[in-house]
Every structure is written in structure tokens, then in C-alpha cells.
């Protein structure tokens, strides 16, 4: 009987490489390094169990969801702003 257990990898989908990627701007590179530093600091502070509780699907999934939410909020703000600007132009 084989027991299959899914291994929890909290830092999956996270680019921890300190080298700048080929198609990465310097600003994005610095932002990624700072983000990695804060994530690793949190992970080292709270430990694996608490990190797993906070991010059950891993930090990569949480960052992806956060980016999508920010994009959607920005789209909503732009949609509200656009009709006002069109009304002023008339």
C-alpha cells in the first residue's frame, strides 16, 4: 500500500535567484529582491507551520492572486474615471 502525500513547498513559484533575469528591468529586479527579502524574513520569523497556515497554496499563489486583485481594482477605478473625463470633454 503506497501512501501519497503532497509535499508542501511554501516558496514554490518564487524566483529566489539573486541574478537579474534577461528580460527584467532594473526597477523590477530591485522590487523582486526586496520582495524576496521580506518573504524570507517572514518565513524565518514565523516558521513553516504558521507560514503554511497563512499561505496554504504557497506564497507564489498568494502573490498571483494579489496581483490579479490589484489589476481588477485598477480597472474598476479607470472605468469610473473614464466617463467623468468624457463628460468634461464635451
Protein backbone atom coordinates (compact mmCIF):
# COMPACT_ATOMS: atom_id res chain seq x y z
CA UNK A 1 0.00 0.00 0.00
CA UNK A 2 1.50 3.29 -1.03
CA UNK A 3 0.66 6.43 0.76
CA UNK A 4 0.66 9.54 -1.38
CA UNK A 5 1.27 12.78 0.44
CA UNK A 6 1.52 16.11 -1.24
CA UNK A 7 4.66 17.88 -0.15
CA UNK A 8 4.09 21.47 0.92
CA UNK A 9 6.54 23.81 -0.76
CA UNK A 10 5.88 27.34 0.52
CA UNK A 11 8.34 29.09 -1.81
CA UNK A 12 7.21 27.36 -4.99
CA UNK A 13 6.74 29.68 -7.99
CA UNK A 14 9.01 32.27 -6.39
CA UNK A 15 12.15 33.43 -8.20
CA UNK A 16 14.77 33.47 -5.45
CA UNK A 17 17.66 33.92 -7.88
CA UNK A 18 19.77 36.95 -6.95
CA UNK A 19 20.88 37.46 -10.53
CA UNK A 20 18.92 39.82 -12.75
CA UNK A 21 16.89 37.99 -15.39
CA UNK A 22 17.48 38.65 -19.07
CA UNK A 23 14.19 40.46 -19.77
CA UNK A 24 13.88 42.15 -16.37
CA UNK A 25 14.23 45.89 -15.94
CA UNK A 26 16.42 47.18 -13.15
CA UNK A 27 13.40 48.53 -11.27
CA UNK A 28 11.63 45.16 -11.45
CA UNK A 29 14.81 43.43 -10.34
CA UNK A 30 15.19 45.64 -7.26
CA UNK A 31 11.49 45.22 -6.47
CA UNK A 32 11.79 41.42 -6.71
CA UNK A 33 14.86 41.35 -4.45
CA UNK A 34 13.12 43.47 -1.83
CA UNK A 35 10.01 41.30 -2.03
CA UNK A 36 12.08 38.12 -1.67
CA UNK A 37 13.89 39.57 1.33
CA UNK A 38 10.64 40.39 3.12
CA UNK A 39 9.11 36.98 2.30
CA UNK A 40 12.17 35.12 3.59
CA UNK A 41 12.23 37.28 6.72
CA UNK A 42 8.57 36.45 7.40
CA UNK A 43 9.19 32.75 6.74
CA UNK A 44 12.19 32.68 9.09
CA UNK A 45 10.30 34.61 11.77
CA UNK A 46 7.05 32.63 11.91
CA UNK A 47 8.26 29.20 10.81
CA UNK A 48 6.89 26.58 8.45
CA UNK A 49 3.69 25.72 10.34
CA UNK A 50 2.47 29.31 10.64
CA UNK A 51 3.53 30.07 7.06
CA UNK A 52 1.55 27.06 5.86
CA UNK A 53 -1.46 28.32 7.78
CA UNK A 54 -1.16 31.81 6.26
CA UNK A 55 -0.46 30.61 2.70
CA UNK A 56 -1.94 27.13 2.22
CA UNK A 57 -1.30 27.13 -1.55
CA UNK A 58 2.17 28.66 -1.19
CA UNK A 59 3.38 32.23 -1.42
CA UNK A 60 3.54 32.15 -5.23
CA UNK A 61 -0.20 31.58 -5.48
CA UNK A 62 -0.88 34.32 -2.92
CA UNK A 63 1.24 36.81 -4.88
CA UNK A 64 -0.52 35.88 -8.12
CA UNK A 65 -3.94 36.39 -6.53
CA UNK A 66 -2.82 39.69 -5.03
CA UNK A 67 -1.61 40.93 -8.42
CA UNK A 68 -4.91 39.95 -10.04
CA UNK A 69 -6.89 41.78 -7.34
CA UNK A 70 -4.79 44.91 -7.77
CA UNK A 71 -5.30 44.77 -11.54
CA UNK A 72 -9.06 44.37 -11.16
CA UNK A 73 -9.27 47.27 -8.70
CA UNK A 74 -7.27 49.44 -11.07
CA UNK A 75 -9.57 48.53 -13.96
CA UNK A 76 -12.63 49.46 -11.88
CA UNK A 77 -11.09 52.80 -10.91
CA UNK A 78 -10.25 53.55 -14.54
CA UNK A 79 -13.76 52.60 -15.65
CA UNK A 80 -15.26 55.07 -13.17
CA UNK A 81 -12.78 57.77 -14.11
CA UNK A 82 -13.25 57.44 -17.88
CA UNK A 83 -16.93 58.52 -18.09
CA UNK A 84 -16.20 61.58 -15.94
CA UNK A 85 -13.36 62.61 -18.24
CA UNK A 86 -15.55 62.10 -21.30
CA UNK A 87 -18.26 64.27 -19.75
CA UNK A 88 -15.77 67.06 -19.10
CA UNK A 89 -14.51 66.93 -22.69
CA UNK A 90 -17.94 67.70 -24.16
